[in-house]
């Protein structure tokens, strides 16, 4: 029987591989648009890092974050799973090359605070 941390790691690894496969299948124009959306969203998130992750603005950004991840993945992504995943608590630049540690940590708190 697989222990819980290994099971979570496997789920996360599967999620990353799905994202990689999806990105390889997208056109250059679509990738450019998704990068632009991600850059804009990260800029907005940086502007609210000091705010309560449970407030309305942070939760709206969390929804947009999840929606963008769904576009990247090509399928629904559970914000509950993203917020609970143990790897989400430990920053690793390989996990999300488009975002820095303060933004990653804030979005982890936003997803954890989701009603």
C-alpha atoms as a PDB file:
ATOM      1  CA  UNK A   1       0.000   0.000   0.000  1.00  0.00           C
ATOM      2  CA  UNK A   2       1.284   3.411  -0.946  1.00  0.00           C
ATOM      3  CA  UNK A   3       1.704   5.951   1.850  1.00  0.00           C
ATOM      4  CA  UNK A   4      -0.069   9.294   1.661  1.00  0.00           C
ATOM      5  CA  UNK A   5       2.919  11.548   0.815  1.00  0.00           C
ATOM      6  CA  UNK A   6       3.890   9.241  -2.055  1.00  0.00           C
ATOM      7  CA  UNK A   7       0.315   9.181  -3.336  1.00  0.00           C
ATOM      8  CA  UNK A   8       0.155  12.985  -3.261  1.00  0.00           C
ATOM      9  CA  UNK A   9       3.517  13.233  -5.000  1.00  0.00           C
ATOM     10  CA  UNK A  10       2.323  10.890  -7.728  1.00  0.00           C
ATOM     11  CA  UNK A  11      -0.869  12.923  -8.190  1.00  0.00           C
ATOM     12  CA  UNK A  12       1.176  16.111  -8.432  1.00  0.00           C
ATOM     13  CA  UNK A  13       3.644  14.526 -10.868  1.00  0.00           C
ATOM     14  CA  UNK A  14       0.702  13.387 -13.012  1.00  0.00           C
ATOM     15  CA  UNK A  15      -0.730  16.911 -12.929  1.00  0.00           C
ATOM     16  CA  UNK A  16       2.597  18.396 -14.046  1.00  0.00           C
ATOM     17  CA  UNK A  17       2.932  15.872 -16.858  1.00  0.00           C
ATOM     18  CA  UNK A  18      -0.609  16.630 -18.034  1.00  0.00           C
ATOM     19  CA  UNK A  19       0.276  20.326 -18.131  1.00  0.00           C
ATOM     20  CA  UNK A  20       3.458  19.654 -20.105  1.00  0.00           C
ATOM     21  CA  UNK A  21       1.587  17.487 -22.612  1.00  0.00           C
ATOM     22  CA  UNK A  22      -1.148  20.110 -22.950  1.00  0.00           C
ATOM     23  CA  UNK A  23       1.325  22.960 -23.500  1.00  0.00           C
ATOM     24  CA  UNK A  24       3.092  20.995 -26.234  1.00  0.00           C
ATOM     25  CA  UNK A  25      -0.242  20.603 -28.034  1.00  0.00           C
ATOM     26  CA  UNK A  26      -1.100  24.330 -28.085  1.00  0.00           C
ATOM     27  CA  UNK A  27      -0.374  26.690 -30.956  1.00  0.00           C
ATOM     28  CA  UNK A  28       2.272  29.399 -30.527  1.00  0.00           C
ATOM     29  CA  UNK A  29      -0.457  32.082 -30.614  1.00  0.00           C
ATOM     30  CA  UNK A  30      -2.431  30.357 -27.862  1.00  0.00           C
ATOM     31  CA  UNK A  31       0.706  29.975 -25.741  1.00  0.00           C
ATOM     32  CA  UNK A  32       1.488  33.673 -26.196  1.00  0.00           C
ATOM     33  CA  UNK A  33      -2.034  34.608 -25.095  1.00  0.00           C
ATOM     34  CA  UNK A  34      -1.915  32.324 -22.055  1.00  0.00           C
ATOM     35  CA  UNK A  35       1.475  33.750 -21.050  1.00  0.00           C
ATOM     36  CA  UNK A  36       0.082  37.276 -21.343  1.00  0.00           C
ATOM     37  CA  UNK A  37      -2.908  36.329 -19.175  1.00  0.00           C
ATOM     38  CA  UNK A  38      -0.602  34.723 -16.627  1.00  0.00           C
ATOM     39  CA  UNK A  39       1.723  37.728 -16.523  1.00  0.00           C
ATOM     40  CA  UNK A  40      -1.202  40.108 -16.013  1.00  0.00           C
ATOM     41  CA  UNK A  41      -2.703  37.905 -13.305  1.00  0.00           C
ATOM     42  CA  UNK A  42       0.598  37.556 -11.438  1.00  0.00           C
ATOM     43  CA  UNK A  43       0.975  41.350 -11.532  1.00  0.00           C
ATOM     44  CA  UNK A  44      -2.456  41.762  -9.968  1.00  0.00           C
ATOM     45  CA  UNK A  45      -1.675  39.140  -7.335  1.00  0.00           C
ATOM     46  CA  UNK A  46       1.575  40.913  -6.423  1.00  0.00           C
ATOM     47  CA  UNK A  47      -0.418  44.071  -5.768  1.00  0.00           C
ATOM     48  CA  UNK A  48      -2.474  42.347  -3.034  1.00  0.00           C
ATOM     49  CA  UNK A  49       0.115  40.158  -1.297  1.00  0.00           C
ATOM     50  CA  UNK A  50      -0.355  42.016   1.993  1.00  0.00           C
ATOM     51  CA  UNK A  51      -4.131  41.565   1.968  1.00  0.00           C
ATOM     52  CA  UNK A  52      -6.242  38.904   3.661  1.00  0.00           C
ATOM     53  CA  UNK A  53      -6.295  35.824   1.392  1.00  0.00           C
ATOM     54  CA  UNK A  54      -9.941  35.273   2.326  1.00  0.00           C
ATOM     55  CA  UNK A  55     -11.125  38.698   1.150  1.00  0.00           C
ATOM     56  CA  UNK A  56     -13.237  39.110  -1.981  1.00  0.00           C
ATOM     57  CA  UNK A  57     -10.435  40.489  -4.192  1.00  0.00           C
ATOM     58  CA  UNK A  58      -8.059  37.655  -3.257  1.00  0.00           C
ATOM     59  CA  UNK A  59     -10.773  35.055  -3.829  1.00  0.00           C
ATOM     60  CA  UNK A  60     -11.541  36.563  -7.261  1.00  0.00           C
ATOM     61  CA  UNK A  61      -7.849  36.287  -8.106  1.00  0.00           C
ATOM     62  CA  UNK A  62      -7.910  32.696  -6.855  1.00  0.00           C
ATOM     63  CA  UNK A  63     -10.793  31.945  -9.220  1.00  0.00           C
ATOM     64  CA  UNK A  64      -8.890  33.496 -12.127  1.00  0.00           C
ATOM     65  CA  UNK A  65      -5.768  31.524 -11.102  1.00  0.00           C
ATOM     66  CA  UNK A  66      -7.725  28.268 -11.165  1.00  0.00           C
ATOM     67  CA  UNK A  67      -9.414  29.202 -14.463  1.00  0.00           C
ATOM     68  CA  UNK A  68      -6.023  29.878 -16.052  1.00  0.00           C
ATOM     69  CA  UNK A  69      -4.685  26.559 -14.763  1.00  0.00           C
ATOM     70  CA  UNK A  70      -7.707  24.851 -16.316  1.00  0.00           C
ATOM     71  CA  UNK A  71      -6.896  26.477 -19.669  1.00  0.00           C
ATOM     72  CA  UNK A  72      -3.315  25.279 -19.332  1.00  0.00           C
ATOM     73  CA  UNK A  73      -4.401  21.773 -18.344  1.00  0.00           C
ATOM     74  CA  UNK A  74      -7.290  21.456 -20.779  1.00  0.00           C
ATOM     75  CA  UNK A  75      -9.487  20.096 -17.997  1.00  0.00           C
ATOM     76  CA  UNK A  76     -11.001  21.183 -14.680  1.00  0.00           C
ATOM     77  CA  UNK A  77      -8.524  21.617 -11.828  1.00  0.00           C
ATOM     78  CA  UNK A  78      -9.761  21.406  -8.253  1.00  0.00           C
ATOM     79  CA  UNK A  79      -8.657  24.412  -6.206  1.00  0.00           C
ATOM     80  CA  UNK A  80      -9.264  22.290  -3.110  1.00  0.00           C
ATOM     81  CA  UNK A  81      -6.698  19.752  -4.323  1.00  0.00           C
ATOM     82  CA  UNK A  82      -4.253  22.495  -5.283  1.00  0.00           C
ATOM     83  CA  UNK A  83      -4.598  24.137  -1.886  1.00  0.00           C
ATOM     84  CA  UNK A  84      -4.201  20.924   0.086  1.00  0.00           C
ATOM     85  CA  UNK A  85      -1.321  19.395  -1.809  1.00  0.00           C
ATOM     86  CA  UNK A  86       1.755  19.170   0.459  1.00  0.00           C
ATOM     87  CA  UNK A  87       4.068  20.175  -2.399  1.00  0.00           C
ATOM     88  CA  UNK A  88       2.111  23.424  -2.709  1.00  0.00           C
ATOM     89  CA  UNK A  89       3.440  24.368   0.713  1.00  0.00           C
ATOM     90  CA  UNK A  90       7.091  24.044  -0.308  1.00  0.00           C
ATOM     91  CA  UNK A  91       8.310  26.420  -2.986  1.00  0.00           C
ATOM     92  CA  UNK A  92      10.253  24.929  -5.861  1.00  0.00           C
ATOM     93  CA  UNK A  93      10.877  27.104  -8.950  1.00  0.00           C
ATOM     94  CA  UNK A  94      10.432  24.038 -11.171  1.00  0.00           C
ATOM     95  CA  UNK A  95       6.785  23.805 -10.071  1.00  0.00           C
ATOM     96  CA  UNK A  96       5.777  27.130 -11.564  1.00  0.00           C
ATOM     97  CA  UNK A  97       8.342  28.967 -13.641  1.00  0.00           C
ATOM     98  CA  UNK A  98       5.917  31.836 -14.260  1.00  0.00           C
ATOM     99  CA  UNK A  99       5.584  32.874 -10.622  1.00  0.00           C
ATOM    100  CA  UNK A 100       7.817  33.635  -7.664  1.00  0.00           C
ATOM    101  CA  UNK A 101       7.642  32.341  -4.095  1.00  0.00           C
ATOM    102  CA  UNK A 102       5.601  35.224  -2.569  1.00  0.00           C
ATOM    103  CA  UNK A 103       2.898  34.865  -5.229  1.00  0.00           C
ATOM    104  CA  UNK A 104       2.907  31.061  -4.944  1.00  0.00           C
ATOM    105  CA  UNK A 105       2.627  31.224  -1.148  1.00  0.00           C
ATOM    106  CA  UNK A 106      -0.167  33.787  -1.309  1.00  0.00           C
ATOM    107  CA  UNK A 107      -2.178  31.746  -3.805  1.00  0.00           C
ATOM    108  CA  UNK A 108      -1.723  28.661  -1.632  1.00  0.00           C
ATOM    109  CA  UNK A 109      -3.275  30.641   1.270  1.00  0.00           C
ATOM    110  CA  UNK A 110      -6.043  31.969  -1.025  1.00  0.00           C
ATOM    111  CA  UNK A 111      -6.997  28.476  -2.144  1.00  0.00           C
ATOM    112  CA  UNK A 112      -6.878  27.198   1.437  1.00  0.00           C
ATOM    113  CA  UNK A 113      -9.216  30.040   2.494  1.00  0.00           C
ATOM    114  CA  UNK A 114     -11.726  29.310  -0.269  1.00  0.00           C
ATOM    115  CA  UNK A 115     -15.212  29.044   1.223  1.00  0.00           C
END
